[in-house]
Protein backbone atom coordinates (compact mmCIF):
# COMPACT_ATOMS: atom_id res chain seq x y z
CA MET A 1 -0.58 23.26 22.96
CA ASN A 2 -2.03 26.57 24.25
CA ARG A 3 -5.32 28.06 23.09
CA ARG A 4 -3.72 30.81 20.93
CA LEU A 5 -1.59 28.30 19.02
CA PHE A 6 -4.61 26.06 18.53
CA VAL A 7 -6.56 28.90 16.97
CA THR A 8 -3.64 29.81 14.70
CA ILE A 9 -3.37 26.33 13.25
CA GLY A 10 -6.95 25.27 13.69
CA ALA A 11 -7.29 23.92 10.17
CA ILE A 12 -4.26 21.69 10.63
CA ALA A 13 -5.55 20.41 13.95
CA ILE A 14 -8.92 19.53 12.48
CA LEU A 15 -7.26 17.64 9.63
CA THR A 16 -5.11 15.77 12.11
CA LEU A 17 -8.09 14.64 14.16
CA ALA A 18 -9.83 13.45 11.00
CA ALA A 19 -6.74 11.53 9.94
CA GLY A 20 -6.34 9.76 13.25
CA CYS A 21 -2.69 10.77 13.73
CA GLY A 22 -1.57 13.07 16.52
CA ASP A 23 0.13 16.38 15.84
CA SER A 24 3.51 17.32 17.27
CA ASP A 25 4.11 18.92 20.64
CA THR A 26 5.75 21.87 18.93
CA ASP A 27 5.16 23.60 15.62
CA SER A 28 7.79 25.92 14.14
CA THR A 29 5.35 27.19 11.48
CA ALA A 30 2.54 28.31 13.77
CA SER A 31 2.55 31.82 12.31
CA GLY A 32 2.37 30.60 8.73
CA GLY A 33 6.08 30.99 8.09
CA THR A 34 9.09 28.72 8.35
CA ALA A 35 11.89 28.37 10.82
CA ALA A 36 13.67 31.31 9.20
CA SER A 37 13.26 33.39 12.34
CA ALA A 38 15.37 30.92 14.29
CA SER A 39 19.08 31.37 14.65
CA ALA A 40 21.00 30.47 11.50
CA ASP A 41 23.34 28.43 13.66
CA ALA A 42 20.57 26.33 15.21
CA PRO A 43 20.45 22.73 13.93
CA MET A 44 17.51 21.70 11.81
CA PRO A 45 15.11 19.43 13.73
CA SER A 46 15.34 15.79 12.75
CA ALA A 47 12.40 13.56 11.92
CA THR A 48 12.55 12.27 15.47
CA SER A 49 12.78 15.59 17.32
CA SER A 50 9.80 17.40 15.78
CA MET A 51 7.37 17.43 12.89
CA MET A 52 7.03 20.66 10.91
CA THR A 53 3.26 20.16 10.52
CA ALA A 54 0.68 17.48 11.23
CA GLN A 55 0.23 14.41 9.08
CA PHE A 56 -2.06 15.02 6.13
CA GLY A 57 -3.94 13.24 3.37
CA PRO A 58 -7.01 10.99 2.99
CA GLY A 59 -4.95 7.82 3.44
CA CYS A 60 -4.20 8.79 7.03
CA ALA A 61 -7.82 7.98 7.89
CA VAL A 62 -7.13 4.24 7.74
CA VAL A 63 -4.03 4.38 9.93
CA PRO A 64 -4.77 2.87 13.37
CA THR A 65 -5.48 5.48 16.05
CA ASP A 66 -4.75 3.40 19.15
CA PRO A 67 -1.23 4.37 20.33
CA ALA A 68 -0.73 0.76 21.42
CA ASP A 69 -1.20 -0.44 17.83
CA ALA A 70 2.12 -0.92 16.01
CA GLY A 71 0.67 0.79 12.93
CA SER A 72 -0.40 3.99 14.66
CA CYS A 73 1.49 7.22 14.05
CA GLN A 74 2.50 7.33 17.70
CA ALA A 75 3.98 3.83 17.58
CA MET A 76 5.68 4.37 14.22
CA ALA A 77 7.46 7.46 15.58
CA LYS A 78 9.27 5.31 18.15
CA VAL A 79 10.91 2.79 15.81
CA PRO A 80 13.04 2.98 12.62
CA VAL A 81 11.34 3.14 9.26
CA ALA A 82 11.41 -0.49 8.06
CA THR A 83 10.15 -1.68 11.44
CA ALA A 84 7.51 1.08 11.48
CA ALA A 85 6.23 0.09 8.05
CA SER A 86 5.76 -3.52 9.17
CA GLY A 87 3.00 -2.42 11.52
CA ASN A 88 1.15 -0.25 9.00
CA PRO A 89 -1.79 -1.98 7.26
CA LEU A 90 -1.22 0.04 4.07
CA LEU A 91 2.33 -1.17 3.53
CA SER A 92 2.50 -4.96 3.83
CA THR A 93 3.53 -5.49 0.19
CA LEU A 94 6.28 -2.90 0.52
CA VAL A 95 7.52 -4.57 3.69
CA SER A 96 7.72 -7.94 1.93
CA ALA A 97 9.67 -6.36 -0.94
CA VAL A 98 12.09 -4.64 1.45
CA GLN A 99 12.69 -7.92 3.26
CA LYS A 100 13.28 -9.77 0.00
CA ALA A 101 15.77 -7.14 -1.15
CA ASN A 102 17.65 -7.40 2.17
CA LEU A 103 17.18 -3.68 2.80
CA VAL A 104 15.69 -3.82 6.31
CA ASP A 105 18.96 -3.15 8.13
CA SER A 106 20.04 -0.48 5.63
CA LEU A 107 16.79 1.44 5.98
CA ASN A 108 16.62 1.05 9.73
CA GLY A 109 20.22 2.21 10.07
CA ALA A 110 19.91 5.29 7.86
CA GLN A 111 19.48 8.65 9.59
CA GLY A 112 17.36 11.63 8.58
CA VAL A 113 16.04 10.10 5.36
CA THR A 114 12.75 10.57 3.52
CA VAL A 115 10.86 7.53 2.27
CA PHE A 116 8.11 7.54 -0.34
CA ALA A 117 6.23 4.40 0.63
CA PRO A 118 3.88 2.82 -1.95
CA THR A 119 0.66 1.32 -0.62
CA ASN A 120 -0.50 -2.22 -1.29
CA ASP A 121 -2.89 -0.78 -3.89
CA ALA A 122 0.06 0.96 -5.58
CA PHE A 123 1.78 -2.39 -6.10
CA ALA A 124 -1.52 -3.87 -7.28
CA LYS A 125 -1.57 -1.37 -10.17
CA ILE A 126 1.48 -3.08 -11.67
CA PRO A 127 0.53 -5.94 -14.02
CA LYS A 128 1.01 -9.20 -12.16
CA ALA A 129 3.57 -10.56 -14.64
CA ASP A 130 5.65 -7.38 -14.47
CA LEU A 131 5.52 -7.27 -10.69
CA GLY A 132 6.58 -10.91 -10.56
CA LYS A 133 9.64 -10.14 -12.70
CA VAL A 134 10.69 -7.28 -10.43
CA LEU A 135 10.23 -9.33 -7.27
CA ALA A 136 12.23 -12.18 -8.79
CA ASP A 137 15.18 -9.96 -9.72
CA ASP A 138 16.95 -8.88 -6.51
CA ALA A 139 19.09 -6.26 -8.27
CA MET A 140 16.08 -4.66 -9.98
CA LEU A 141 14.00 -4.82 -6.82
CA LYS A 142 16.72 -3.05 -4.83
CA LYS A 143 16.99 -0.41 -7.56
CA VAL A 144 13.25 0.24 -7.49
CA LEU A 145 13.07 0.40 -3.71
CA THR A 146 16.07 2.71 -3.23
CA HIS A 147 14.52 5.00 -5.88
CA HIS A 148 11.88 5.70 -3.22
CA VAL A 149 14.40 6.95 -0.63
CA VAL A 150 15.87 10.46 -0.45
CA PRO A 151 18.92 10.60 1.86
CA THR A 152 17.85 13.89 3.47
CA HIS A 153 14.94 14.99 5.63
CA LEU A 154 12.15 16.63 3.61
CA SER A 155 9.45 18.44 5.55
CA PRO A 156 6.24 19.45 3.74
CA ASP A 157 7.76 22.92 3.36
CA THR A 158 10.77 21.53 1.45
CA LEU A 159 9.06 18.62 -0.30
CA ALA A 160 8.40 20.29 -3.66
CA GLY A 161 11.40 20.19 -5.97
CA THR A 162 13.84 17.72 -7.50
CA HIS A 163 15.67 15.43 -5.11
CA LYS A 164 18.45 12.89 -5.54
CA THR A 165 17.50 9.39 -4.42
CA LEU A 166 19.48 6.71 -2.65
CA GLN A 167 19.49 4.83 -5.95
CA GLY A 168 21.45 7.70 -7.51
CA ASP A 169 18.86 9.20 -9.84
CA GLU A 170 16.25 11.87 -9.14
CA ILE A 171 12.57 12.26 -8.33
CA THR A 172 10.52 15.42 -8.76
CA VAL A 173 7.77 16.47 -6.38
CA THR A 174 5.20 19.10 -7.30
CA GLY A 175 2.46 20.68 -5.23
CA SER A 176 2.07 22.53 -1.95
CA GLY A 177 0.06 22.56 1.25
CA ASN A 178 -1.60 19.18 1.64
CA SER A 179 -1.45 18.12 -2.03
CA PHE A 180 1.70 16.68 -3.60
CA THR A 181 2.45 14.57 -6.67
CA VAL A 182 5.67 12.60 -7.16
CA ASP A 183 7.13 12.11 -10.65
CA GLY A 184 3.94 13.41 -12.24
CA ALA A 185 1.73 10.46 -11.35
CA SER A 186 2.04 9.27 -7.76
CA MET A 187 -0.09 11.14 -5.22
CA VAL A 188 0.86 11.50 -1.58
CA VAL A 189 -2.08 9.95 0.28
CA CYS A 190 -0.70 10.26 3.80
CA GLY A 191 2.20 12.61 4.34
CA ASN A 192 4.66 13.72 7.00
CA VAL A 193 4.53 10.51 9.03
CA SER A 194 7.45 10.46 11.44
CA THR A 195 9.51 7.40 12.37
CA ALA A 196 12.58 7.23 14.59
CA ASN A 197 14.93 7.84 11.66
CA ALA A 198 12.82 8.98 8.72
CA THR A 199 9.93 11.02 7.41
CA VAL A 200 7.46 8.96 5.39
CA TYR A 201 5.16 10.05 2.56
CA ILE A 202 2.77 7.23 1.65
CA VAL A 203 2.06 7.28 -2.11
CA ASP A 204 -0.55 5.63 -4.33
CA THR A 205 1.71 4.60 -7.23
CA VAL A 206 5.06 2.80 -7.31
CA LEU A 207 7.85 5.09 -8.52
CA MET A 208 9.88 3.48 -11.29
CA PRO A 209 13.51 4.48 -12.03
CA LYS A 210 13.91 6.17 -15.36
CA SER A 211 16.75 3.85 -16.39
């Protein structure tokens, strides 16, 4: 990253250092715009090829910073999403639920998806009896988990809006910059985390299907 680019996105770089996750080697929005200046025929970058901006959010501060740690942003970027989540200390409950629902292979095999990943604290907000019922019902558990997956890549620039989920219904994201809310209640606490096949937005509340 040259000095001029660093100055241009200084605020993002500072946030990244505070969060403990590295920024990308390239940044298509360095001038404050989008990739609109690129050729219309050029393919959109995947979650594995580049990140539109740095990771953001207060939850990023607890993500391991040692690249050798399986839960670090650098390590997560090298493996598919379900495997990446298994190394992140914020997501152990989610990982257990994904394993129970037999979704590990499906998530790891998907390409260019966006995952809204609830933290352990998000699951803890659900009354214990209700959570137990969901975990005991494989069909319901799979429905809830696939409601958190959008089958397209969403960068922070395209995150706001209504998106169809892998479950078949929709979620709505509002906000901009470094502040986003999903379905009116769930805040993104660590966003734009790249894995080998997905972009992850860690959220503080479990998203429940509307039906």
